[in-house]
Amino acid sequence: MTAGRGDSSAILRILQSNDVPAALELSSEAGWNQTADDWETLIQLAPQSCLAIEIDGELAATTTLVCFGQRLAWVGMVLTKVTYRGKGFAKRLLTHVLDYADQAKIETVKLDATDQGQPLYEKMGFQIEQPVERWVRQASATAKKTAIPSSELSGQDWHLTDQDAVGVNRSQLLDRLARFSAPLLGPKSFLLTRPGRRATYLGPCVSTDEAAARHLVEFAVEAQPSRDWYWDLLPSNTAAVSIARGLGFTPVRHLLRMARGKDLHANDELVYAIAGFELG
């Protein structure tokens, strides 16, 4: 099918695995942290709702939609190549993924918006929910010895801990993210990390106990001090902010979480790190 508006040669189609190299170029052009594996994860999670616009064989724009049952879907990777901006491609792709969500009877659609994207999202029915921030820790020279978290401490399925916090079943997403590195587990707590193009990504992290969350994060970052770290968190979770600041993280980006549809709030006090701007 053709994209219809903005360029008569534009083709709107499903994003596929063979698009990953071009998609990575798109996110790298924007200065984002995703790797080829991140793009592949999105495509595998949502093979029918990751979309692209192609012009003369070139990937011009993308948008992804990952669904968690019928309660929640997440919009991400709203990207347009610099040379194709101003043609309405982002709006066209968003219209299609939102139509997909409506046809699938998804109750709530969310996204994390930049200042540039906010006006478009508001026009498409999204409302501001709360701020989201990226905190960064620069590489340091020495590691501190920290007791290794043990899965024996968990005492429960960490997927259920996540579901209690976010309100939907994200097991498929969590299992895919766990392929990057094994989850660090504590009492009703878990932390996942994964490599990024620019920095190692910390998250998601969910915990019912601040001390347990602090221990998991300290272990992760202090065990690998030679890496830069990105940590995306909800500033409403003041415990997460305190831990981040105490470990030398500083805020560098400010986005807005926006929602369309039914009101669906997570237990934000349990969410110490989100899975990513593109995943929630």
C-alpha atoms as a PDB file:
ATOM      1  CA  MET A   1       0.000   0.000   0.000  1.00  0.00           C
ATOM      2  CA  THR A   2       1.148   3.553  -0.610  1.00  0.00           C
ATOM      3  CA  ALA A   3       1.629   6.105   2.138  1.00  0.00           C
ATOM      4  CA  GLY A   4      -0.854   8.331   0.360  1.00  0.00           C
ATOM      5  CA  ARG A   5       0.237  11.759   1.589  1.00  0.00           C
ATOM      6  CA  GLY A   6       3.411  13.749   1.339  1.00  0.00           C
ATOM      7  CA  ASP A   7       5.139  11.720  -1.387  1.00  0.00           C
ATOM      8  CA  SER A   8       3.528   9.734  -4.180  1.00  0.00           C
ATOM      9  CA  SER A   9       6.419   7.235  -4.259  1.00  0.00           C
ATOM     10  CA  ALA A  10       6.155   6.411  -0.558  1.00  0.00           C
ATOM     11  CA  ILE A  11       5.122   2.861   0.349  1.00  0.00           C
ATOM     12  CA  LEU A  12       3.741   2.046   3.804  1.00  0.00           C
ATOM     13  CA  ARG A  13       4.486  -1.548   4.814  1.00  0.00           C
ATOM     14  CA  ILE A  14       5.361  -3.843   7.693  1.00  0.00           C
ATOM     15  CA  LEU A  15       8.880  -3.497   9.080  1.00  0.00           C
ATOM     16  CA  GLN A  16      10.833  -6.716   8.601  1.00  0.00           C
ATOM     17  CA  SER A  17      14.033  -8.269   9.894  1.00  0.00           C
ATOM     18  CA  ASN A  18      15.911  -7.399   6.718  1.00  0.00           C
ATOM     19  CA  ASP A  19      15.153  -3.725   7.484  1.00  0.00           C
ATOM     20  CA  VAL A  20      17.141  -3.824  10.717  1.00  0.00           C
ATOM     21  CA  PRO A  21      20.406  -2.374   9.317  1.00  0.00           C
ATOM     22  CA  ALA A  22      18.545   0.560   7.763  1.00  0.00           C
ATOM     23  CA  ALA A  23      16.409   1.010  10.886  1.00  0.00           C
ATOM     24  CA  LEU A  24      19.570   1.118  13.004  1.00  0.00           C
ATOM     25  CA  GLU A  25      20.926   3.863  10.736  1.00  0.00           C
ATOM     26  CA  LEU A  26      17.691   5.778  11.342  1.00  0.00           C
ATOM     27  CA  SER A  27      17.878   5.572  15.143  1.00  0.00           C
ATOM     28  CA  SER A  28      21.618   6.268  15.114  1.00  0.00           C
ATOM     29  CA  GLU A  29      21.019   9.388  13.022  1.00  0.00           C
ATOM     30  CA  ALA A  30      18.713  10.583  15.802  1.00  0.00           C
ATOM     31  CA  GLY A  31      21.408   9.871  18.406  1.00  0.00           C
ATOM     32  CA  TRP A  32      19.407   7.109  20.081  1.00  0.00           C
ATOM     33  CA  ASN A  33      20.833   4.164  22.013  1.00  0.00           C
ATOM     34  CA  GLN A  34      19.141   1.204  20.286  1.00  0.00           C
ATOM     35  CA  THR A  35      21.155  -1.626  18.794  1.00  0.00           C
ATOM     36  CA  ALA A  36      20.306  -3.974  15.929  1.00  0.00           C
ATOM     37  CA  ASP A  37      19.211  -6.502  18.572  1.00  0.00           C
ATOM     38  CA  ASP A  38      16.767  -3.945  20.012  1.00  0.00           C
ATOM     39  CA  TRP A  39      15.170  -3.462  16.603  1.00  0.00           C
ATOM     40  CA  GLU A  40      14.977  -7.213  16.081  1.00  0.00           C
ATOM     41  CA  THR A  41      13.333  -7.594  19.496  1.00  0.00           C
ATOM     42  CA  LEU A  42      10.609  -5.120  18.534  1.00  0.00           C
ATOM     43  CA  ILE A  43       9.949  -6.887  15.241  1.00  0.00           C
ATOM     44  CA  GLN A  44       9.775 -10.289  16.916  1.00  0.00           C
ATOM     45  CA  LEU A  45       7.434  -9.004  19.633  1.00  0.00           C
ATOM     46  CA  ALA A  46       5.131  -7.234  17.181  1.00  0.00           C
ATOM     47  CA  PRO A  47       5.508  -8.707  13.678  1.00  0.00           C
ATOM     48  CA  GLN A  48       2.264  -7.133  12.417  1.00  0.00           C
ATOM     49  CA  SER A  49       2.427  -3.709  14.059  1.00  0.00           C
ATOM     50  CA  CYS A  50       5.949  -2.450  13.407  1.00  0.00           C
ATOM     51  CA  LEU A  51       5.561  -0.259  10.332  1.00  0.00           C
ATOM     52  CA  ALA A  52       7.799   1.521   7.863  1.00  0.00           C
ATOM     53  CA  ILE A  53       7.587   3.964   4.990  1.00  0.00           C
ATOM     54  CA  GLU A  54       9.881   3.195   2.088  1.00  0.00           C
ATOM     55  CA  ILE A  55      10.790   5.581  -0.736  1.00  0.00           C
ATOM     56  CA  ASP A  56      12.604   4.249  -3.796  1.00  0.00           C
ATOM     57  CA  GLY A  57      13.946   1.322  -1.788  1.00  0.00           C
ATOM     58  CA  GLU A  58      15.119   3.500   1.116  1.00  0.00           C
ATOM     59  CA  LEU A  59      13.734   3.277   4.647  1.00  0.00           C
ATOM     60  CA  ALA A  60      12.349   6.751   5.301  1.00  0.00           C
ATOM     61  CA  ALA A  61      10.337   6.428   8.527  1.00  0.00           C
ATOM     62  CA  THR A  62       9.275   3.940  11.208  1.00  0.00           C
ATOM     63  CA  THR A  63       6.807   3.496  14.054  1.00  0.00           C
ATOM     64  CA  THR A  64       6.354   0.456  16.298  1.00  0.00           C
ATOM     65  CA  LEU A  65       3.447  -0.755  18.426  1.00  0.00           C
ATOM     66  CA  VAL A  66       3.977  -3.493  21.021  1.00  0.00           C
ATOM     67  CA  CYS A  67       0.778  -4.931  22.533  1.00  0.00           C
ATOM     68  CA  PHE A  68       0.445  -6.435  25.998  1.00  0.00           C
ATOM     69  CA  GLY A  69      -2.811  -8.333  25.652  1.00  0.00           C
ATOM     70  CA  GLN A  70      -5.794  -6.054  25.094  1.00  0.00           C
ATOM     71  CA  ARG A  71      -5.175  -3.810  28.081  1.00  0.00           C
ATOM     72  CA  LEU A  72      -2.127  -1.885  26.840  1.00  0.00           C
ATOM     73  CA  ALA A  73      -0.094  -1.127  23.730  1.00  0.00           C
ATOM     74  CA  TRP A  74       3.083   0.936  23.510  1.00  0.00           C
ATOM     75  CA  VAL A  75       4.110   3.209  20.639  1.00  0.00           C
ATOM     76  CA  GLY A  76       7.804   3.660  19.965  1.00  0.00           C
ATOM     77  CA  MET A  77      10.532   4.322  17.404  1.00  0.00           C
ATOM     78  CA  VAL A  78       8.665   7.212  15.766  1.00  0.00           C
ATOM     79  CA  LEU A  79      11.504   8.184  13.454  1.00  0.00           C
ATOM     80  CA  THR A  80      11.831   9.942  10.120  1.00  0.00           C
ATOM     81  CA  LYS A  81      15.070  10.254   8.199  1.00  0.00           C
ATOM     82  CA  VAL A  82      16.235  13.875   8.186  1.00  0.00           C
ATOM     83  CA  THR A  83      15.955  14.193   4.401  1.00  0.00           C
ATOM     84  CA  TYR A  84      12.288  13.116   4.493  1.00  0.00           C
ATOM     85  CA  ARG A  85      11.005  15.186   7.395  1.00  0.00           C
ATOM     86  CA  GLY A  86       8.089  17.554   6.932  1.00  0.00           C
ATOM     87  CA  LYS A  87       6.148  15.186   4.670  1.00  0.00           C
ATOM     88  CA  GLY A  88       3.698  13.919   7.303  1.00  0.00           C
ATOM     89  CA  PHE A  89       5.145  10.415   7.502  1.00  0.00           C
ATOM     90  CA  ALA A  90       5.060  10.246  11.320  1.00  0.00           C
ATOM     91  CA  LYS A  91       1.378  11.201  11.360  1.00  0.00           C
ATOM     92  CA  ARG A  92       0.609   8.656   8.661  1.00  0.00           C
ATOM     93  CA  LEU A  93       2.359   5.842  10.515  1.00  0.00           C
ATOM     94  CA  LEU A  94       0.792   6.801  13.835  1.00  0.00           C
ATOM     95  CA  THR A  95      -2.647   6.792  12.245  1.00  0.00           C
ATOM     96  CA  HIS A  96      -2.073   3.239  11.036  1.00  0.00           C
ATOM     97  CA  VAL A  97      -0.775   1.850  14.336  1.00  0.00           C
ATOM     98  CA  LEU A  98      -3.614   3.499  16.245  1.00  0.00           C
ATOM     99  CA  ASP A  99      -6.108   2.031  13.786  1.00  0.00           C
ATOM    100  CA  TYR A 100      -4.465  -1.336  14.403  1.00  0.00           C
ATOM    101  CA  ALA A 101      -4.839  -0.860  18.168  1.00  0.00           C
ATOM    102  CA  ASP A 102      -8.492   0.131  17.782  1.00  0.00           C
ATOM    103  CA  GLN A 103      -9.253  -2.891  15.616  1.00  0.00           C
ATOM    104  CA  ALA A 104      -7.526  -5.122  18.182  1.00  0.00           C
ATOM    105  CA  LYS A 105      -9.685  -3.487  20.890  1.00  0.00           C
ATOM    106  CA  ILE A 106      -6.684  -2.296  22.871  1.00  0.00           C
ATOM    107  CA  GLU A 107      -7.991  -0.351  25.849  1.00  0.00           C
ATOM    108  CA  THR A 108      -5.027   1.974  26.423  1.00  0.00           C
ATOM    109  CA  VAL A 109      -2.180   3.149  24.200  1.00  0.00           C
ATOM    110  CA  LYS A 110       0.826   4.905  25.712  1.00  0.00           C
ATOM    111  CA  LEU A 111       4.094   6.458  24.587  1.00  0.00           C
ATOM    112  CA  ASP A 112       6.957   8.566  25.901  1.00  0.00           C
ATOM    113  CA  ALA A 113       7.019  11.822  23.965  1.00  0.00           C
ATOM    114  CA  THR A 114       9.770  14.291  23.191  1.00  0.00           C
ATOM    115  CA  ASP A 115       8.969  18.002  23.090  1.00  0.00           C
ATOM    116  CA  GLN A 116       8.987  17.799  19.292  1.00  0.00           C
ATOM    117  CA  GLY A 117       6.502  14.950  19.187  1.00  0.00           C
ATOM    118  CA  GLN A 118       4.100  16.157  21.875  1.00  0.00           C
ATOM    119  CA  PRO A 119       1.963  18.466  19.667  1.00  0.00           C
ATOM    120  CA  LEU A 120       1.332  15.674  17.134  1.00  0.00           C
ATOM    121  CA  TYR A 121       0.424  13.186  19.843  1.00  0.00           C
ATOM    122  CA  GLU A 122      -1.988  15.632  21.443  1.00  0.00           C
ATOM    123  CA  LYS A 123      -3.727  16.106  18.092  1.00  0.00           C
ATOM    124  CA  MET A 124      -4.126  12.329  17.904  1.00  0.00           C
ATOM    125  CA  GLY A 125      -5.869  12.074  21.252  1.00  0.00           C
ATOM    126  CA  PHE A 126      -3.004  11.503  23.673  1.00  0.00           C
ATOM    127  CA  GLN A 127      -3.008  13.256  27.037  1.00  0.00           C
ATOM    128  CA  ILE A 128      -0.106  13.955  29.381  1.00  0.00           C
ATOM    129  CA  GLU A 129       0.209  11.450  32.211  1.00  0.00           C
ATOM    130  CA  GLN A 130       3.552  12.202  33.883  1.00  0.00           C
ATOM    131  CA  PRO A 131       7.218  13.070  33.243  1.00  0.00           C
ATOM    132  CA  VAL A 132       9.874  10.507  32.365  1.00  0.00           C
ATOM    133  CA  GLU A 133      13.585  11.202  32.682  1.00  0.00           C
ATOM    134  CA  ARG A 134      16.816   9.723  31.393  1.00  0.00           C
ATOM    135  CA  TRP A 135      19.653   9.712  33.889  1.00  0.00           C
ATOM    136  CA  VAL A 136      23.252   9.030  32.837  1.00  0.00           C
ATOM    137  CA  ARG A 137      26.287   7.800  34.704  1.00  0.00           C
ATOM    138  CA  GLN A 138      29.685   8.202  33.057  1.00  0.00           C
ATOM    139  CA  ALA A 139      32.283   5.454  33.126  1.00  0.00           C
ATOM    140  CA  SER A 140      34.626   5.447  36.110  1.00  0.00           C
ATOM    141  CA  ALA A 141      37.930   3.763  36.809  1.00  0.00           C
ATOM    142  CA  THR A 142      37.408   1.420  39.736  1.00  0.00           C
ATOM    143  CA  ALA A 143      34.874  -1.204  40.710  1.00  0.00           C
ATOM    144  CA  LYS A 144      33.438  -1.685  44.174  1.00  0.00           C
ATOM    145  CA  LYS A 145      32.891  -5.159  45.530  1.00  0.00           C
ATOM    146  CA  THR A 146      29.210  -5.828  46.115  1.00  0.00           C
ATOM    147  CA  ALA A 147      27.532  -9.055  47.164  1.00  0.00           C
ATOM    148  CA  ILE A 148      26.139 -10.856  44.131  1.00  0.00           C
ATOM    149  CA  PRO A 149      22.331 -10.957  44.049  1.00  0.00           C
ATOM    150  CA  SER A 150      21.055 -14.518  44.116  1.00  0.00           C
ATOM    151  CA  SER A 151      17.995 -15.916  42.367  1.00  0.00           C
ATOM    152  CA  GLU A 152      17.445 -17.994  45.485  1.00  0.00           C
ATOM    153  CA  LEU A 153      16.406 -14.809  47.278  1.00  0.00           C
ATOM    154  CA  SER A 154      13.498 -14.124  44.983  1.00  0.00           C
ATOM    155  CA  GLY A 155      11.079 -16.701  46.315  1.00  0.00           C
ATOM    156  CA  GLN A 156       8.600 -16.009  43.511  1.00  0.00           C
ATOM    157  CA  ASP A 157       8.221 -15.637  39.762  1.00  0.00           C
ATOM    158  CA  TRP A 158       9.750 -12.283  38.875  1.00  0.00           C
ATOM    159  CA  HIS A 159       7.308 -11.983  35.969  1.00  0.00           C
ATOM    160  CA  LEU A 160       4.495 -11.747  38.510  1.00  0.00           C
ATOM    161  CA  THR A 161       6.364  -9.019  40.375  1.00  0.00           C
ATOM    162  CA  ASP A 162       6.445  -7.069  37.132  1.00  0.00           C
ATOM    163  CA  GLN A 163       2.747  -7.669  36.462  1.00  0.00           C
ATOM    164  CA  ASP A 164       1.826  -6.439  39.929  1.00  0.00           C
ATOM    165  CA  ALA A 165       3.724  -3.228  39.222  1.00  0.00           C
ATOM    166  CA  VAL A 166       2.718  -2.384  35.656  1.00  0.00           C
ATOM    167  CA  GLY A 167      -0.739  -3.932  35.587  1.00  0.00           C
ATOM    168  CA  VAL A 168      -0.287  -6.085  32.475  1.00  0.00           C
ATOM    169  CA  ASN A 169       1.471  -9.332  31.587  1.00  0.00           C
ATOM    170  CA  ARG A 170       4.821  -8.490  29.953  1.00  0.00           C
ATOM    171  CA  SER A 171       6.310 -11.989  30.193  1.00  0.00           C
ATOM    172  CA  GLN A 172       7.083 -12.237  26.482  1.00  0.00           C
ATOM    173  CA  LEU A 173       8.936  -8.920  26.547  1.00  0.00           C
ATOM    174  CA  LEU A 174      10.801  -9.775  29.748  1.00  0.00           C
ATOM    175  CA  ASP A 175      11.927 -13.139  28.408  1.00  0.00           C
ATOM    176  CA  ARG A 176      13.303 -11.534  25.269  1.00  0.00           C
ATOM    177  CA  LEU A 177      15.133  -8.848  27.255  1.00  0.00           C
ATOM    178  CA  ALA A 178      16.547 -11.517  29.564  1.00  0.00           C
ATOM    179  CA  ARG A 179      18.394 -12.940  26.559  1.00  0.00           C
ATOM    180  CA  PHE A 180      20.749  -9.957  26.733  1.00  0.00           C
ATOM    181  CA  SER A 181      21.716 -10.697  30.341  1.00  0.00           C
ATOM    182  CA  ALA A 182      20.277 -12.876  33.081  1.00  0.00           C
ATOM    183  CA  PRO A 183      17.954 -11.055  35.484  1.00  0.00           C
ATOM    184  CA  LEU A 184      19.356  -9.953  38.824  1.00  0.00           C
ATOM    185  CA  LEU A 185      16.855 -11.058  41.468  1.00  0.00           C
ATOM    186  CA  GLY A 186      16.082 -10.151  45.060  1.00  0.00           C
ATOM    187  CA  PRO A 187      13.084 -10.388  47.377  1.00  0.00           C
ATOM    188  CA  LYS A 188      10.160  -9.465  45.105  1.00  0.00           C
ATOM    189  CA  SER A 189      12.638  -7.519  42.979  1.00  0.00           C
ATOM    190  CA  PHE A 190      14.367  -7.844  39.642  1.00  0.00           C
ATOM    191  CA  LEU A 191      16.642  -5.865  37.360  1.00  0.00           C
ATOM    192  CA  LEU A 192      17.494  -6.405  33.695  1.00  0.00           C
ATOM    193  CA  THR A 193      20.290  -4.707  31.761  1.00  0.00           C
ATOM    194  CA  ARG A 194      21.287  -4.784  28.118  1.00  0.00           C
ATOM    195  CA  PRO A 195      23.988  -3.350  25.874  1.00  0.00           C
ATOM    196  CA  GLY A 196      23.237  -0.169  23.957  1.00  0.00           C
ATOM    197  CA  ARG A 197      24.849   1.601  21.028  1.00  0.00           C
ATOM    198  CA  ARG A 198      26.074   4.450  23.236  1.00  0.00           C
ATOM    199  CA  ALA A 199      25.696   3.157  26.802  1.00  0.00           C
ATOM    200  CA  THR A 200      24.594   0.096  28.748  1.00  0.00           C
ATOM    201  CA  TYR A 201      20.885   0.316  29.499  1.00  0.00           C
ATOM    202  CA  LEU A 202      19.588  -0.238  33.025  1.00  0.00           C
ATOM    203  CA  GLY A 203      16.004  -1.458  33.151  1.00  0.00           C
ATOM    204  CA  PRO A 204      13.420  -2.572  33.656  1.00  0.00           C
ATOM    205  CA  CYS A 205      13.733  -2.733  37.425  1.00  0.00           C
ATOM    206  CA  VAL A 206      10.765  -3.483  39.665  1.00  0.00           C
ATOM    207  CA  SER A 207      10.874  -3.863  43.434  1.00  0.00           C
ATOM    208  CA  THR A 208       8.579  -3.791  46.438  1.00  0.00           C
ATOM    209  CA  ASP A 209      11.521  -2.760  48.626  1.00  0.00           C
ATOM    210  CA  GLU A 210      13.808   0.241  48.197  1.00  0.00           C
ATOM    211  CA  ALA A 211      16.788  -1.469  49.819  1.00  0.00           C
ATOM    212  CA  ALA A 212      16.480  -4.456  47.493  1.00  0.00           C
ATOM    213  CA  ALA A 213      16.246  -2.194  44.444  1.00  0.00           C
ATOM    214  CA  ARG A 214      19.283  -0.233  45.582  1.00  0.00           C
ATOM    215  CA  HIS A 215      21.274  -3.436  46.045  1.00  0.00           C
ATOM    216  CA  LEU A 216      20.440  -4.693  42.545  1.00  0.00           C
ATOM    217  CA  VAL A 217      21.311  -1.404  40.870  1.00  0.00           C
ATOM    218  CA  GLU A 218      24.513  -0.989  42.862  1.00  0.00           C
ATOM    219  CA  PHE A 219      25.644  -4.453  41.900  1.00  0.00           C
ATOM    220  CA  ALA A 220      24.917  -3.905  38.213  1.00  0.00           C
ATOM    221  CA  VAL A 221      26.678  -0.570  37.825  1.00  0.00           C
ATOM    222  CA  GLU A 222      29.540  -1.071  40.271  1.00  0.00           C
ATOM    223  CA  ALA A 223      30.414  -4.438  38.737  1.00  0.00           C
ATOM    224  CA  GLN A 224      30.939  -2.724  35.358  1.00  0.00           C
ATOM    225  CA  PRO A 225      32.336   0.738  36.148  1.00  0.00           C
ATOM    226  CA  SER A 226      34.087   1.136  32.798  1.00  0.00           C
ATOM    227  CA  ARG A 227      30.729   1.490  31.020  1.00  0.00           C
ATOM    228  CA  ASP A 228      28.504   4.501  30.537  1.00  0.00           C
ATOM    229  CA  TRP A 229      24.976   3.812  31.815  1.00  0.00           C
ATOM    230  CA  TYR A 230      21.512   5.030  30.815  1.00  0.00           C
ATOM    231  CA  TRP A 231      18.683   4.777  33.333  1.00  0.00           C
ATOM    232  CA  ASP A 232      15.145   5.860  32.371  1.00  0.00           C
ATOM    233  CA  LEU A 233      12.953   6.441  35.399  1.00  0.00           C
ATOM    234  CA  LEU A 234       9.748   8.048  36.603  1.00  0.00           C
ATOM    235  CA  PRO A 235      10.678  11.063  38.768  1.00  0.00           C
ATOM    236  CA  SER A 236       7.498  10.456  40.769  1.00  0.00           C
ATOM    237  CA  ASN A 237       9.383   7.488  42.250  1.00  0.00           C
ATOM    238  CA  THR A 238      11.496   9.545  44.620  1.00  0.00           C
ATOM    239  CA  ALA A 239      13.291   6.441  45.902  1.00  0.00           C
ATOM    240  CA  ALA A 240      14.567   5.705  42.372  1.00  0.00           C
ATOM    241  CA  VAL A 241      15.701   9.318  42.031  1.00  0.00           C
ATOM    242  CA  SER A 242      17.554   9.095  45.349  1.00  0.00           C
ATOM    243  CA  ILE A 243      19.315   5.873  44.340  1.00  0.00           C
ATOM    244  CA  ALA A 244      20.273   7.294  40.952  1.00  0.00           C
ATOM    245  CA  ARG A 245      21.682  10.470  42.440  1.00  0.00           C
ATOM    246  CA  GLY A 246      23.583   8.543  45.121  1.00  0.00           C
ATOM    247  CA  LEU A 247      25.258   6.388  42.477  1.00  0.00           C
ATOM    248  CA  GLY A 248      26.429   9.361  40.436  1.00  0.00           C
ATOM    249  CA  PHE A 249      23.682   9.465  37.800  1.00  0.00           C
ATOM    250  CA  THR A 250      22.497  12.845  36.515  1.00  0.00           C
ATOM    251  CA  PRO A 251      19.343  13.696  34.507  1.00  0.00           C
ATOM    252  CA  VAL A 252      19.965  14.594  30.860  1.00  0.00           C
ATOM    253  CA  ARG A 253      16.639  14.123  29.030  1.00  0.00           C
ATOM    254  CA  HIS A 254      13.066  14.962  29.963  1.00  0.00           C
ATOM    255  CA  LEU A 255      10.118  13.355  28.167  1.00  0.00           C
ATOM    256  CA  LEU A 256       6.392  13.144  28.836  1.00  0.00           C
ATOM    257  CA  ARG A 257       4.480   9.905  29.231  1.00  0.00           C
ATOM    258  CA  MET A 258       1.211  10.250  27.323  1.00  0.00           C
ATOM    259  CA  ALA A 259      -1.845   8.008  27.135  1.00  0.00           C
ATOM    260  CA  ARG A 260      -4.875   7.511  24.899  1.00  0.00           C
ATOM    261  CA  GLY A 261      -7.949   5.532  25.933  1.00  0.00           C
ATOM    262  CA  LYS A 262      -8.825   4.136  29.347  1.00  0.00           C
ATOM    263  CA  ASP A 263      -6.998   5.289  32.450  1.00  0.00           C
ATOM    264  CA  LEU A 264      -4.376   2.653  33.293  1.00  0.00           C
ATOM    265  CA  HIS A 265      -1.833   3.604  35.924  1.00  0.00           C
ATOM    266  CA  ALA A 266       0.983   1.390  37.088  1.00  0.00           C
ATOM    267  CA  ASN A 267       2.115   1.164  40.707  1.00  0.00           C
ATOM    268  CA  ASP A 268       4.816   3.698  39.952  1.00  0.00           C
ATOM    269  CA  GLU A 269       6.385   3.421  43.395  1.00  0.00           C
ATOM    270  CA  LEU A 270       7.402  -0.135  42.458  1.00  0.00           C
ATOM    271  CA  VAL A 271       8.872   0.794  39.062  1.00  0.00           C
ATOM    272  CA  TYR A 272      12.496   1.822  39.620  1.00  0.00           C
ATOM    273  CA  ALA A 273      13.458   1.725  35.937  1.00  0.00           C
ATOM    274  CA  ILE A 274      11.317   1.445  32.831  1.00  0.00           C
ATOM    275  CA  ALA A 275      12.079  -0.966  29.995  1.00  0.00           C
ATOM    276  CA  GLY A 276      12.774   1.871  27.556  1.00  0.00           C
ATOM    277  CA  PHE A 277      11.056   4.812  25.903  1.00  0.00           C
ATOM    278  CA  GLU A 278       9.970   2.450  23.114  1.00  0.00           C
ATOM    279  CA  LEU A 279       8.671  -0.244  25.491  1.00  0.00           C
ATOM    280  CA  GLY A 280       7.332   1.450  28.603  1.00  0.00           C
END
